[in-house]
């Protein structure tokens, strides 16, 4: 399909419970997900975008009655949904190491399935490289997710084009790993709708609060500058009940402005 570059994982991504392979993102890899839907194994696989990376990520197979995601070393027995399966195939792995073994066992058949579904059986490899280069941008203030995240936030050069094609629009496009929570959306909404002046004076923040966790928002670079100014006003008001919320949004804005980028806020 495309040359493959293995890269270092993001230090802020939350995939530690899942066997995974971290790749430099390429739009062609998204096609793997549709092929992997046909896979019937102990594990199920998908491609997760984490610009500028993507992950080939193993989960527990729904086809085997594994109805809970696996986190840490927890194990939970689940009902025997399919007759004829061994006990081992109908339980959540007891350790992360066992989960990894399941994924490794499944990979040869998974690879064969992908080659069949994408007509790659007789294609030569286009090569695999391993890169130790850091993909972190020094002025991007990323951090691990805080609280129950309800949306993804992308720093992108061309927000509208990104929403249309779902592919990077510049070498600096990045997914951030934190955003405001559902509760924080509500508190921001209440503040901005307390008076007519609030909604009028903080139009960019009002867009975020009103959109909530649904749909997608695009902010051009100029909008981000205005959004940052609105956040600074509220952050400087000691009476505001949303100081920590706007500080998070301001952190995102600073990261975008450092590289002349816009924002895409996409509800889950």
C-alpha atoms as a PDB file:
ATOM      1  CA  UNK A   1       0.000   0.000   0.000  1.00  0.00           C
ATOM      2  CA  UNK A   2       2.666   2.454   1.053  1.00  0.00           C
ATOM      3  CA  UNK A   3       6.132   2.449   2.651  1.00  0.00           C
ATOM      4  CA  UNK A   4       5.827   2.024   6.432  1.00  0.00           C
ATOM      5  CA  UNK A   5       7.713   4.062   9.005  1.00  0.00           C
ATOM      6  CA  UNK A   6       7.616   2.862  12.592  1.00  0.00           C
ATOM      7  CA  UNK A   7       7.831   5.822  14.983  1.00  0.00           C
ATOM      8  CA  UNK A   8       7.936   6.566  18.688  1.00  0.00           C
ATOM      9  CA  UNK A   9       4.571   6.728  20.405  1.00  0.00           C
ATOM     10  CA  UNK A  10       3.191   9.977  21.752  1.00  0.00           C
ATOM     11  CA  UNK A  11       4.054  10.333  25.439  1.00  0.00           C
ATOM     12  CA  UNK A  12       0.474  11.561  25.994  1.00  0.00           C
ATOM     13  CA  UNK A  13      -1.548   8.865  24.204  1.00  0.00           C
ATOM     14  CA  UNK A  14      -3.712   6.627  26.364  1.00  0.00           C
ATOM     15  CA  UNK A  15      -3.301   3.256  24.674  1.00  0.00           C
ATOM     16  CA  UNK A  16      -1.092   1.562  27.242  1.00  0.00           C
ATOM     17  CA  UNK A  17      -3.558  -1.310  27.798  1.00  0.00           C
ATOM     18  CA  UNK A  18      -3.616  -2.294  24.124  1.00  0.00           C
ATOM     19  CA  UNK A  19      -1.090  -4.212  22.005  1.00  0.00           C
ATOM     20  CA  UNK A  20      -0.256  -1.791  19.207  1.00  0.00           C
ATOM     21  CA  UNK A  21       2.078  -0.734  16.418  1.00  0.00           C
ATOM     22  CA  UNK A  22       2.807   2.975  16.029  1.00  0.00           C
ATOM     23  CA  UNK A  23       3.245   4.244  12.456  1.00  0.00           C
ATOM     24  CA  UNK A  24       3.843   7.553  10.778  1.00  0.00           C
ATOM     25  CA  UNK A  25       0.375   8.533   9.557  1.00  0.00           C
ATOM     26  CA  UNK A  26      -0.582   7.972   5.960  1.00  0.00           C
ATOM     27  CA  UNK A  27      -4.111   8.356   4.631  1.00  0.00           C
ATOM     28  CA  UNK A  28      -3.903   5.005   2.821  1.00  0.00           C
ATOM     29  CA  UNK A  29      -3.651   3.171   6.132  1.00  0.00           C
ATOM     30  CA  UNK A  30      -7.240   4.131   6.980  1.00  0.00           C
ATOM     31  CA  UNK A  31      -8.355   1.540   4.418  1.00  0.00           C
ATOM     32  CA  UNK A  32      -7.003  -1.172   6.679  1.00  0.00           C
ATOM     33  CA  UNK A  33      -9.875  -0.725   9.133  1.00  0.00           C
ATOM     34  CA  UNK A  34     -12.548  -1.838   6.665  1.00  0.00           C
ATOM     35  CA  UNK A  35     -10.527  -4.931   5.759  1.00  0.00           C
ATOM     36  CA  UNK A  36      -9.903  -5.812   9.399  1.00  0.00           C
ATOM     37  CA  UNK A  37     -13.620  -5.744  10.205  1.00  0.00           C
ATOM     38  CA  UNK A  38     -13.761  -9.193   8.575  1.00  0.00           C
ATOM     39  CA  UNK A  39     -11.197 -10.670  10.930  1.00  0.00           C
ATOM     40  CA  UNK A  40     -12.434 -13.388  13.281  1.00  0.00           C
ATOM     41  CA  UNK A  41      -9.858 -13.951  15.997  1.00  0.00           C
ATOM     42  CA  UNK A  42      -9.292 -13.571  19.697  1.00  0.00           C
ATOM     43  CA  UNK A  43      -8.461  -9.942  19.035  1.00  0.00           C
ATOM     44  CA  UNK A  44     -10.003  -7.276  16.839  1.00  0.00           C
ATOM     45  CA  UNK A  45      -7.985  -4.557  15.132  1.00  0.00           C
ATOM     46  CA  UNK A  46      -8.460  -1.007  13.958  1.00  0.00           C
ATOM     47  CA  UNK A  47      -6.441   2.002  12.818  1.00  0.00           C
ATOM     48  CA  UNK A  48      -6.564   4.922  15.255  1.00  0.00           C
ATOM     49  CA  UNK A  49      -5.434   8.333  14.043  1.00  0.00           C
ATOM     50  CA  UNK A  50      -3.149  10.271  16.364  1.00  0.00           C
ATOM     51  CA  UNK A  51      -1.633  12.860  14.046  1.00  0.00           C
ATOM     52  CA  UNK A  52       1.137  12.835  12.999  1.00  0.00           C
ATOM     53  CA  UNK A  53       0.992   9.156  13.962  1.00  0.00           C
ATOM     54  CA  UNK A  54      -1.501   6.381  13.676  1.00  0.00           C
ATOM     55  CA  UNK A  55      -1.790   3.184  15.679  1.00  0.00           C
ATOM     56  CA  UNK A  56      -2.586  -0.295  14.501  1.00  0.00           C
ATOM     57  CA  UNK A  57      -4.454  -1.139  17.683  1.00  0.00           C
ATOM     58  CA  UNK A  58      -5.621  -4.487  19.074  1.00  0.00           C
ATOM     59  CA  UNK A  59      -8.762  -4.747  21.156  1.00  0.00           C
ATOM     60  CA  UNK A  60     -10.731  -7.681  22.476  1.00  0.00           C
ATOM     61  CA  UNK A  61     -12.732  -9.502  19.845  1.00  0.00           C
ATOM     62  CA  UNK A  62     -16.478  -8.982  19.957  1.00  0.00           C
ATOM     63  CA  UNK A  63     -16.775 -12.153  17.878  1.00  0.00           C
ATOM     64  CA  UNK A  64     -15.539 -14.156  20.830  1.00  0.00           C
ATOM     65  CA  UNK A  65     -17.983 -12.723  23.374  1.00  0.00           C
ATOM     66  CA  UNK A  66     -15.368 -10.436  24.919  1.00  0.00           C
ATOM     67  CA  UNK A  67     -17.751  -7.625  25.751  1.00  0.00           C
ATOM     68  CA  UNK A  68     -15.530  -5.533  27.986  1.00  0.00           C
ATOM     69  CA  UNK A  69     -12.380  -3.650  27.083  1.00  0.00           C
ATOM     70  CA  UNK A  70      -9.282  -4.833  28.883  1.00  0.00           C
ATOM     71  CA  UNK A  71      -7.499  -2.404  31.168  1.00  0.00           C
ATOM     72  CA  UNK A  72      -4.426  -3.177  33.261  1.00  0.00           C
ATOM     73  CA  UNK A  73      -4.323  -6.630  34.809  1.00  0.00           C
ATOM     74  CA  UNK A  74      -8.067  -6.941  35.487  1.00  0.00           C
ATOM     75  CA  UNK A  75      -9.850 -10.075  34.351  1.00  0.00           C
ATOM     76  CA  UNK A  76     -13.580 -10.617  34.179  1.00  0.00           C
ATOM     77  CA  UNK A  77     -15.478 -13.726  33.173  1.00  0.00           C
ATOM     78  CA  UNK A  78     -18.108 -13.092  30.508  1.00  0.00           C
ATOM     79  CA  UNK A  79     -21.036 -15.242  29.335  1.00  0.00           C
ATOM     80  CA  UNK A  80     -20.379 -18.068  26.902  1.00  0.00           C
ATOM     81  CA  UNK A  81     -21.911 -16.545  23.777  1.00  0.00           C
ATOM     82  CA  UNK A  82     -20.734 -19.064  21.169  1.00  0.00           C
ATOM     83  CA  UNK A  83     -20.864 -22.797  21.474  1.00  0.00           C
ATOM     84  CA  UNK A  84     -17.722 -24.804  20.924  1.00  0.00           C
ATOM     85  CA  UNK A  85     -15.217 -22.220  22.049  1.00  0.00           C
ATOM     86  CA  UNK A  86     -12.637 -23.064  24.663  1.00  0.00           C
ATOM     87  CA  UNK A  87     -12.705 -21.412  28.053  1.00  0.00           C
ATOM     88  CA  UNK A  88      -9.572 -19.473  27.173  1.00  0.00           C
ATOM     89  CA  UNK A  89     -11.262 -17.933  24.145  1.00  0.00           C
ATOM     90  CA  UNK A  90     -14.238 -16.780  26.199  1.00  0.00           C
ATOM     91  CA  UNK A  91     -12.511 -14.818  28.915  1.00  0.00           C
ATOM     92  CA  UNK A  92     -10.661 -11.592  29.179  1.00  0.00           C
ATOM     93  CA  UNK A  93      -6.897 -12.192  29.361  1.00  0.00           C
ATOM     94  CA  UNK A  94      -5.631 -12.259  32.901  1.00  0.00           C
ATOM     95  CA  UNK A  95      -2.526 -10.153  32.273  1.00  0.00           C
ATOM     96  CA  UNK A  96      -1.314  -7.585  29.736  1.00  0.00           C
ATOM     97  CA  UNK A  97       1.305 -10.150  28.680  1.00  0.00           C
ATOM     98  CA  UNK A  98      -1.371 -12.698  27.843  1.00  0.00           C
ATOM     99  CA  UNK A  99      -3.302 -10.090  25.860  1.00  0.00           C
ATOM    100  CA  UNK A 100      -0.129  -9.340  23.894  1.00  0.00           C
ATOM    101  CA  UNK A 101       0.364 -13.055  23.212  1.00  0.00           C
ATOM    102  CA  UNK A 102      -3.174 -13.251  21.825  1.00  0.00           C
ATOM    103  CA  UNK A 103      -2.467 -10.335  19.505  1.00  0.00           C
ATOM    104  CA  UNK A 104       0.795 -11.849  18.272  1.00  0.00           C
ATOM    105  CA  UNK A 105      -0.885 -15.208  17.641  1.00  0.00           C
ATOM    106  CA  UNK A 106      -3.555 -13.500  15.540  1.00  0.00           C
ATOM    107  CA  UNK A 107      -1.221 -11.377  13.413  1.00  0.00           C
ATOM    108  CA  UNK A 108      -0.287 -13.911  10.684  1.00  0.00           C
ATOM    109  CA  UNK A 109      -3.956 -14.612   9.912  1.00  0.00           C
ATOM    110  CA  UNK A 110      -4.740 -10.899  10.162  1.00  0.00           C
ATOM    111  CA  UNK A 111      -2.009 -10.076   7.651  1.00  0.00           C
ATOM    112  CA  UNK A 112      -3.273 -12.752   5.261  1.00  0.00           C
ATOM    113  CA  UNK A 113      -6.800 -11.367   5.510  1.00  0.00           C
ATOM    114  CA  UNK A 114      -5.637  -7.820   4.771  1.00  0.00           C
ATOM    115  CA  UNK A 115      -3.702  -8.996   1.726  1.00  0.00           C
ATOM    116  CA  UNK A 116      -6.752 -10.862   0.471  1.00  0.00           C
ATOM    117  CA  UNK A 117      -9.263  -8.040   1.033  1.00  0.00           C
ATOM    118  CA  UNK A 118      -7.006  -5.361  -0.463  1.00  0.00           C
ATOM    119  CA  UNK A 119      -5.664  -7.519  -3.305  1.00  0.00           C
ATOM    120  CA  UNK A 120      -2.102  -7.377  -2.050  1.00  0.00           C
ATOM    121  CA  UNK A 121      -1.197 -11.087  -2.093  1.00  0.00           C
ATOM    122  CA  UNK A 122       1.231 -10.754  -5.003  1.00  0.00           C
ATOM    123  CA  UNK A 123       2.511  -7.263  -4.244  1.00  0.00           C
ATOM    124  CA  UNK A 124       6.105  -6.702  -3.171  1.00  0.00           C
ATOM    125  CA  UNK A 125       6.780  -4.880   0.079  1.00  0.00           C
ATOM    126  CA  UNK A 126       7.427  -1.167  -0.325  1.00  0.00           C
ATOM    127  CA  UNK A 127       9.704  -1.214   2.687  1.00  0.00           C
ATOM    128  CA  UNK A 128       9.692  -0.665   6.437  1.00  0.00           C
ATOM    129  CA  UNK A 129      11.808   1.937   8.210  1.00  0.00           C
ATOM    130  CA  UNK A 130      12.278   2.606  11.899  1.00  0.00           C
ATOM    131  CA  UNK A 131      12.599   6.226  12.954  1.00  0.00           C
ATOM    132  CA  UNK A 132      13.775   7.407  16.368  1.00  0.00           C
ATOM    133  CA  UNK A 133      13.081  11.036  15.488  1.00  0.00           C
ATOM    134  CA  UNK A 134      10.827  12.839  17.953  1.00  0.00           C
ATOM    135  CA  UNK A 135       7.566  14.001  16.441  1.00  0.00           C
ATOM    136  CA  UNK A 136       6.821  16.413  19.274  1.00  0.00           C
ATOM    137  CA  UNK A 137       6.806  20.113  18.375  1.00  0.00           C
ATOM    138  CA  UNK A 138       8.605  22.152  21.050  1.00  0.00           C
ATOM    139  CA  UNK A 139       5.985  24.914  21.261  1.00  0.00           C
ATOM    140  CA  UNK A 140       2.949  22.626  21.403  1.00  0.00           C
ATOM    141  CA  UNK A 141       1.721  22.439  25.005  1.00  0.00           C
ATOM    142  CA  UNK A 142       0.294  18.942  24.874  1.00  0.00           C
ATOM    143  CA  UNK A 143      -0.504  16.842  27.930  1.00  0.00           C
ATOM    144  CA  UNK A 144      -2.232  13.610  28.868  1.00  0.00           C
ATOM    145  CA  UNK A 145      -6.016  13.715  28.958  1.00  0.00           C
ATOM    146  CA  UNK A 146      -7.413  15.336  32.076  1.00  0.00           C
ATOM    147  CA  UNK A 147     -10.833  14.133  33.121  1.00  0.00           C
ATOM    148  CA  UNK A 148     -13.416  12.515  30.888  1.00  0.00           C
ATOM    149  CA  UNK A 149     -12.641  13.922  27.456  1.00  0.00           C
ATOM    150  CA  UNK A 150     -15.654  14.424  25.225  1.00  0.00           C
ATOM    151  CA  UNK A 151     -14.027  15.736  22.043  1.00  0.00           C
ATOM    152  CA  UNK A 152     -10.840  15.641  19.994  1.00  0.00           C
ATOM    153  CA  UNK A 153      -8.898  18.814  19.256  1.00  0.00           C
ATOM    154  CA  UNK A 154      -6.682  19.064  16.198  1.00  0.00           C
ATOM    155  CA  UNK A 155      -4.172  21.787  15.367  1.00  0.00           C
ATOM    156  CA  UNK A 156      -4.399  22.103  11.585  1.00  0.00           C
ATOM    157  CA  UNK A 157      -3.254  24.599   8.978  1.00  0.00           C
ATOM    158  CA  UNK A 158      -6.484  24.414   6.956  1.00  0.00           C
ATOM    159  CA  UNK A 159      -9.441  23.441   9.167  1.00  0.00           C
ATOM    160  CA  UNK A 160     -12.107  23.263   6.457  1.00  0.00           C
ATOM    161  CA  UNK A 161      -9.940  21.111   4.192  1.00  0.00           C
ATOM    162  CA  UNK A 162      -9.133  18.847   7.124  1.00  0.00           C
ATOM    163  CA  UNK A 163     -12.819  18.318   7.860  1.00  0.00           C
ATOM    164  CA  UNK A 164     -13.509  17.480   4.231  1.00  0.00           C
ATOM    165  CA  UNK A 165     -10.661  15.049   3.601  1.00  0.00           C
ATOM    166  CA  UNK A 166      -9.700  13.908   7.114  1.00  0.00           C
ATOM    167  CA  UNK A 167      -6.028  14.046   6.191  1.00  0.00           C
ATOM    168  CA  UNK A 168      -3.204  16.328   7.410  1.00  0.00           C
ATOM    169  CA  UNK A 169      -3.008  19.732   5.760  1.00  0.00           C
ATOM    170  CA  UNK A 170       0.569  20.577   6.816  1.00  0.00           C
ATOM    171  CA  UNK A 171       3.620  18.963   8.454  1.00  0.00           C
ATOM    172  CA  UNK A 172       2.613  20.680  11.723  1.00  0.00           C
ATOM    173  CA  UNK A 173      -0.893  19.266  12.028  1.00  0.00           C
ATOM    174  CA  UNK A 174      -1.284  17.572  15.391  1.00  0.00           C
ATOM    175  CA  UNK A 175      -3.877  15.887  17.575  1.00  0.00           C
ATOM    176  CA  UNK A 176      -3.810  17.129  21.154  1.00  0.00           C
ATOM    177  CA  UNK A 177      -4.482  14.696  23.972  1.00  0.00           C
ATOM    178  CA  UNK A 178      -6.594  16.822  26.305  1.00  0.00           C
ATOM    179  CA  UNK A 179      -9.656  19.033  26.174  1.00  0.00           C
ATOM    180  CA  UNK A 180     -12.476  20.221  28.386  1.00  0.00           C
ATOM    181  CA  UNK A 181     -14.865  17.693  29.912  1.00  0.00           C
ATOM    182  CA  UNK A 182     -18.605  17.356  29.504  1.00  0.00           C
ATOM    183  CA  UNK A 183     -19.115  19.004  32.891  1.00  0.00           C
ATOM    184  CA  UNK A 184     -16.831  21.857  31.887  1.00  0.00           C
ATOM    185  CA  UNK A 185     -18.807  22.390  28.686  1.00  0.00           C
ATOM    186  CA  UNK A 186     -21.890  22.840  30.846  1.00  0.00           C
ATOM    187  CA  UNK A 187     -20.260  25.295  33.221  1.00  0.00           C
ATOM    188  CA  UNK A 188     -18.908  27.338  30.324  1.00  0.00           C
ATOM    189  CA  UNK A 189     -22.353  27.383  28.710  1.00  0.00           C
ATOM    190  CA  UNK A 190     -23.978  28.595  31.941  1.00  0.00           C
ATOM    191  CA  UNK A 191     -21.466  31.415  32.351  1.00  0.00           C
ATOM    192  CA  UNK A 192     -21.733  32.670  28.780  1.00  0.00           C
ATOM    193  CA  UNK A 193     -25.538  32.596  28.834  1.00  0.00           C
ATOM    194  CA  UNK A 194     -25.826  34.358  32.144  1.00  0.00           C
ATOM    195  CA  UNK A 195     -26.225  37.723  30.406  1.00  0.00           C
ATOM    196  CA  UNK A 196     -26.699  38.834  26.835  1.00  0.00           C
ATOM    197  CA  UNK A 197     -23.400  40.734  27.058  1.00  0.00           C
ATOM    198  CA  UNK A 198     -21.436  37.575  27.866  1.00  0.00           C
ATOM    199  CA  UNK A 199     -22.540  35.784  24.727  1.00  0.00           C
ATOM    200  CA  UNK A 200     -21.951  38.885  22.611  1.00  0.00           C
ATOM    201  CA  UNK A 201     -18.505  39.668  24.009  1.00  0.00           C
ATOM    202  CA  UNK A 202     -17.201  36.085  23.920  1.00  0.00           C
ATOM    203  CA  UNK A 203     -18.402  34.851  20.562  1.00  0.00           C
ATOM    204  CA  UNK A 204     -15.683  32.240  19.988  1.00  0.00           C
ATOM    205  CA  UNK A 205     -16.106  30.733  23.453  1.00  0.00           C
ATOM    206  CA  UNK A 206     -19.871  30.766  22.887  1.00  0.00           C
ATOM    207  CA  UNK A 207     -19.365  28.692  19.734  1.00  0.00           C
ATOM    208  CA  UNK A 208     -17.526  26.062  21.763  1.00  0.00           C
ATOM    209  CA  UNK A 209     -20.078  26.035  24.581  1.00  0.00           C
ATOM    210  CA  UNK A 210     -23.095  25.902  22.279  1.00  0.00           C
ATOM    211  CA  UNK A 211     -21.676  23.175  20.072  1.00  0.00           C
ATOM    212  CA  UNK A 212     -20.905  21.090  23.132  1.00  0.00           C
ATOM    213  CA  UNK A 213     -19.905  17.490  22.465  1.00  0.00           C
ATOM    214  CA  UNK A 214     -21.779  17.259  19.170  1.00  0.00           C
ATOM    215  CA  UNK A 215     -20.558  17.809  15.629  1.00  0.00           C
ATOM    216  CA  UNK A 216     -17.407  19.624  14.555  1.00  0.00           C
ATOM    217  CA  UNK A 217     -16.137  23.174  14.818  1.00  0.00           C
ATOM    218  CA  UNK A 218     -13.526  24.815  12.600  1.00  0.00           C
ATOM    219  CA  UNK A 219     -11.523  27.817  13.799  1.00  0.00           C
ATOM    220  CA  UNK A 220      -9.276  29.606  11.334  1.00  0.00           C
ATOM    221  CA  UNK A 221      -6.021  31.084  12.642  1.00  0.00           C
ATOM    222  CA  UNK A 222      -7.655  34.504  13.048  1.00  0.00           C
ATOM    223  CA  UNK A 223     -10.460  32.925  15.070  1.00  0.00           C
ATOM    224  CA  UNK A 224      -7.894  31.274  17.341  1.00  0.00           C
ATOM    225  CA  UNK A 225      -6.304  34.647  18.085  1.00  0.00           C
ATOM    226  CA  UNK A 226      -9.716  36.042  19.072  1.00  0.00           C
ATOM    227  CA  UNK A 227     -10.503  32.920  21.124  1.00  0.00           C
ATOM    228  CA  UNK A 228      -7.222  33.297  23.025  1.00  0.00           C
ATOM    229  CA  UNK A 229      -8.023  36.958  23.804  1.00  0.00           C
ATOM    230  CA  UNK A 230     -11.447  35.987  25.133  1.00  0.00           C
ATOM    231  CA  UNK A 231      -9.895  33.309  27.353  1.00  0.00           C
ATOM    232  CA  UNK A 232      -7.377  35.790  28.752  1.00  0.00           C
ATOM    233  CA  UNK A 233     -10.180  38.171  29.722  1.00  0.00           C
ATOM    234  CA  UNK A 234     -12.076  35.498  31.618  1.00  0.00           C
ATOM    235  CA  UNK A 235      -8.921  33.985  33.129  1.00  0.00           C
ATOM    236  CA  UNK A 236      -8.102  37.420  34.567  1.00  0.00           C
ATOM    237  CA  UNK A 237     -11.513  37.703  36.248  1.00  0.00           C
ATOM    238  CA  UNK A 238     -11.176  36.346  39.759  1.00  0.00           C
ATOM    239  CA  UNK A 239     -14.970  36.055  40.009  1.00  0.00           C
ATOM    240  CA  UNK A 240     -15.272  33.712  37.043  1.00  0.00           C
ATOM    241  CA  UNK A 241     -16.101  30.105  37.937  1.00  0.00           C
ATOM    242  CA  UNK A 242     -14.439  28.712  34.840  1.00  0.00           C
ATOM    243  CA  UNK A 243     -10.826  29.782  35.291  1.00  0.00           C
ATOM    244  CA  UNK A 244      -9.343  26.305  34.858  1.00  0.00           C
ATOM    245  CA  UNK A 245     -11.554  25.650  31.847  1.00  0.00           C
ATOM    246  CA  UNK A 246     -10.400  28.696  29.910  1.00  0.00           C
ATOM    247  CA  UNK A 247      -6.791  27.988  30.892  1.00  0.00           C
ATOM    248  CA  UNK A 248      -7.067  24.641  29.080  1.00  0.00           C
ATOM    249  CA  UNK A 249      -8.524  26.329  26.004  1.00  0.00           C
ATOM    250  CA  UNK A 250      -5.835  29.022  26.185  1.00  0.00           C
ATOM    251  CA  UNK A 251      -3.166  26.309  26.286  1.00  0.00           C
ATOM    252  CA  UNK A 252      -4.598  24.918  23.047  1.00  0.00           C
ATOM    253  CA  UNK A 253      -4.696  28.391  21.483  1.00  0.00           C
ATOM    254  CA  UNK A 254      -1.064  29.119  22.343  1.00  0.00           C
ATOM    255  CA  UNK A 255      -0.024  25.844  20.744  1.00  0.00           C
ATOM    256  CA  UNK A 256      -1.911  26.683  17.548  1.00  0.00           C
ATOM    257  CA  UNK A 257      -0.677  30.278  17.343  1.00  0.00           C
ATOM    258  CA  UNK A 258       2.950  29.186  17.762  1.00  0.00           C
ATOM    259  CA  UNK A 259       2.733  27.521  14.335  1.00  0.00           C
ATOM    260  CA  UNK A 260       0.073  29.719  12.672  1.00  0.00           C
ATOM    261  CA  UNK A 261      -2.477  26.925  12.829  1.00  0.00           C
ATOM    262  CA  UNK A 262      -6.228  26.806  13.177  1.00  0.00           C
ATOM    263  CA  UNK A 263      -8.289  24.405  15.247  1.00  0.00           C
ATOM    264  CA  UNK A 264     -10.788  21.646  14.647  1.00  0.00           C
ATOM    265  CA  UNK A 265     -12.862  20.582  17.661  1.00  0.00           C
ATOM    266  CA  UNK A 266     -14.623  17.316  16.936  1.00  0.00           C
ATOM    267  CA  UNK A 267     -17.182  15.720  19.248  1.00  0.00           C
ATOM    268  CA  UNK A 268     -16.855  12.028  19.981  1.00  0.00           C
END
